[in-house]
């Protein structure tokens, strides 16, 4: 499998959303990797 999914999020805080979505997509065979597009990041 060589598919790549793109995730879009409005605000990046801890990264757990991308982590969980990427893990789900890999485990179910839907995608090999997840690329993320974020509009803003919470400073920290």
N, C-alpha and C. Protein backbone atom coordinates (compact mmCIF):
# COMPACT_ATOMS: atom_id res chain seq x y z
N UNK A 1 0.85 -1.18 0.00
CA UNK A 1 0.00 0.00 0.00
C UNK A 1 0.89 1.24 0.00
N UNK A 2 0.51 2.20 -0.78
CA UNK A 2 1.31 3.43 -0.84
C UNK A 2 0.45 4.67 -0.77
N UNK A 3 -0.72 4.56 -0.19
CA UNK A 3 -1.62 5.72 -0.14
C UNK A 3 -1.25 6.67 1.00
N UNK A 4 -1.51 7.94 0.75
CA UNK A 4 -1.26 8.98 1.73
C UNK A 4 -2.56 9.74 1.96
N UNK A 5 -2.91 9.95 3.22
CA UNK A 5 -4.11 10.72 3.57
C UNK A 5 -3.67 12.10 4.03
N UNK A 6 -4.53 13.07 3.82
CA UNK A 6 -4.26 14.43 4.26
C UNK A 6 -5.29 14.81 5.32
N UNK A 7 -4.80 15.21 6.49
CA UNK A 7 -5.67 15.67 7.56
C UNK A 7 -5.59 17.18 7.68
N UNK A 8 -6.72 17.80 7.91
CA UNK A 8 -6.76 19.26 8.06
C UNK A 8 -7.33 19.58 9.44
N UNK A 9 -6.64 20.45 10.16
CA UNK A 9 -7.09 20.85 11.49
C UNK A 9 -6.94 22.36 11.61
N UNK A 10 -7.88 22.98 12.29
CA UNK A 10 -7.83 24.44 12.41
C UNK A 10 -6.79 24.89 13.43
N UNK A 11 -6.66 24.19 14.56
CA UNK A 11 -5.69 24.57 15.59
C UNK A 11 -4.97 23.33 16.08
N UNK A 12 -3.65 23.36 16.07
CA UNK A 12 -2.82 22.26 16.55
C UNK A 12 -2.43 22.55 18.00
N UNK A 13 -2.81 21.66 18.90
CA UNK A 13 -2.43 21.85 20.31
C UNK A 13 -1.45 20.76 20.73
N UNK A 14 -1.94 19.56 20.97
CA UNK A 14 -1.06 18.49 21.44
C UNK A 14 -0.64 17.52 20.35
N UNK A 15 -1.35 17.51 19.24
CA UNK A 15 -1.05 16.57 18.16
C UNK A 15 -1.76 15.24 18.31
N UNK A 16 -2.52 15.06 19.36
CA UNK A 16 -3.17 13.77 19.59
C UNK A 16 -4.21 13.44 18.52
N UNK A 17 -4.86 14.44 17.96
CA UNK A 17 -5.85 14.21 16.91
C UNK A 17 -5.18 13.56 15.69
N UNK A 18 -4.08 14.14 15.23
CA UNK A 18 -3.36 13.58 14.08
C UNK A 18 -2.80 12.20 14.42
N UNK A 19 -2.29 12.04 15.62
CA UNK A 19 -1.74 10.75 16.04
C UNK A 19 -2.81 9.66 15.98
N UNK A 20 -3.97 9.94 16.56
CA UNK A 20 -5.04 8.94 16.61
C UNK A 20 -5.61 8.63 15.23
N UNK A 21 -5.80 9.65 14.41
CA UNK A 21 -6.32 9.43 13.06
C UNK A 21 -5.31 8.64 12.24
N UNK A 22 -4.03 9.00 12.32
CA UNK A 22 -3.01 8.28 11.59
C UNK A 22 -2.91 6.82 12.01
N UNK A 23 -2.98 6.59 13.30
CA UNK A 23 -2.94 5.22 13.83
C UNK A 23 -4.13 4.40 13.31
N UNK A 24 -5.32 5.00 13.34
CA UNK A 24 -6.52 4.32 12.85
C UNK A 24 -6.39 3.99 11.36
N UNK A 25 -5.94 4.95 10.56
CA UNK A 25 -5.82 4.73 9.12
C UNK A 25 -4.81 3.63 8.80
N UNK A 26 -3.69 3.61 9.52
CA UNK A 26 -2.70 2.55 9.30
C UNK A 26 -3.23 1.19 9.73
N UNK A 27 -3.87 1.12 10.90
CA UNK A 27 -4.36 -0.16 11.42
C UNK A 27 -5.47 -0.74 10.56
N UNK A 28 -6.29 0.09 9.96
CA UNK A 28 -7.39 -0.40 9.13
C UNK A 28 -6.99 -0.55 7.67
N UNK A 29 -5.76 -0.20 7.33
CA UNK A 29 -5.28 -0.36 5.97
C UNK A 29 -5.78 0.70 5.01
N UNK A 30 -6.29 1.80 5.54
CA UNK A 30 -6.82 2.86 4.69
C UNK A 30 -5.73 3.74 4.11
N UNK A 31 -4.63 3.91 4.83
CA UNK A 31 -3.53 4.75 4.35
C UNK A 31 -2.23 4.30 5.01
N UNK A 32 -1.14 4.54 4.31
CA UNK A 32 0.17 4.20 4.85
C UNK A 32 0.71 5.35 5.70
N UNK A 33 0.36 6.58 5.34
CA UNK A 33 0.83 7.73 6.11
C UNK A 33 -0.23 8.83 6.11
N UNK A 34 -0.09 9.72 7.07
CA UNK A 34 -1.00 10.87 7.20
C UNK A 34 -0.16 12.14 7.18
N UNK A 35 -0.50 13.02 6.28
CA UNK A 35 0.13 14.35 6.23
C UNK A 35 -0.86 15.33 6.83
N UNK A 36 -0.36 16.32 7.52
CA UNK A 36 -1.25 17.27 8.20
C UNK A 36 -1.10 18.70 7.69
N UNK A 37 -2.22 19.36 7.61
CA UNK A 37 -2.26 20.78 7.28
C UNK A 37 -2.94 21.47 8.45
N UNK A 38 -2.23 22.41 9.09
CA UNK A 38 -2.74 23.09 10.27
C UNK A 38 -2.76 24.58 10.00
N UNK A 39 -3.85 25.23 10.39
CA UNK A 39 -4.01 26.67 10.15
C UNK A 39 -3.39 27.51 11.25
N UNK A 40 -3.33 27.00 12.48
CA UNK A 40 -2.76 27.75 13.60
C UNK A 40 -2.21 26.76 14.63
N UNK A 41 -1.26 27.22 15.42
CA UNK A 41 -0.67 26.38 16.46
C UNK A 41 -0.75 27.14 17.77
N UNK A 42 -1.09 26.41 18.84
CA UNK A 42 -1.10 26.99 20.17
C UNK A 42 0.33 27.06 20.67
N UNK A 43 0.83 28.24 21.03
CA UNK A 43 2.22 28.33 21.52
C UNK A 43 2.40 27.55 22.83
N UNK A 44 3.54 26.95 22.95
CA UNK A 44 3.75 26.23 24.18
C UNK A 44 5.03 25.54 24.30
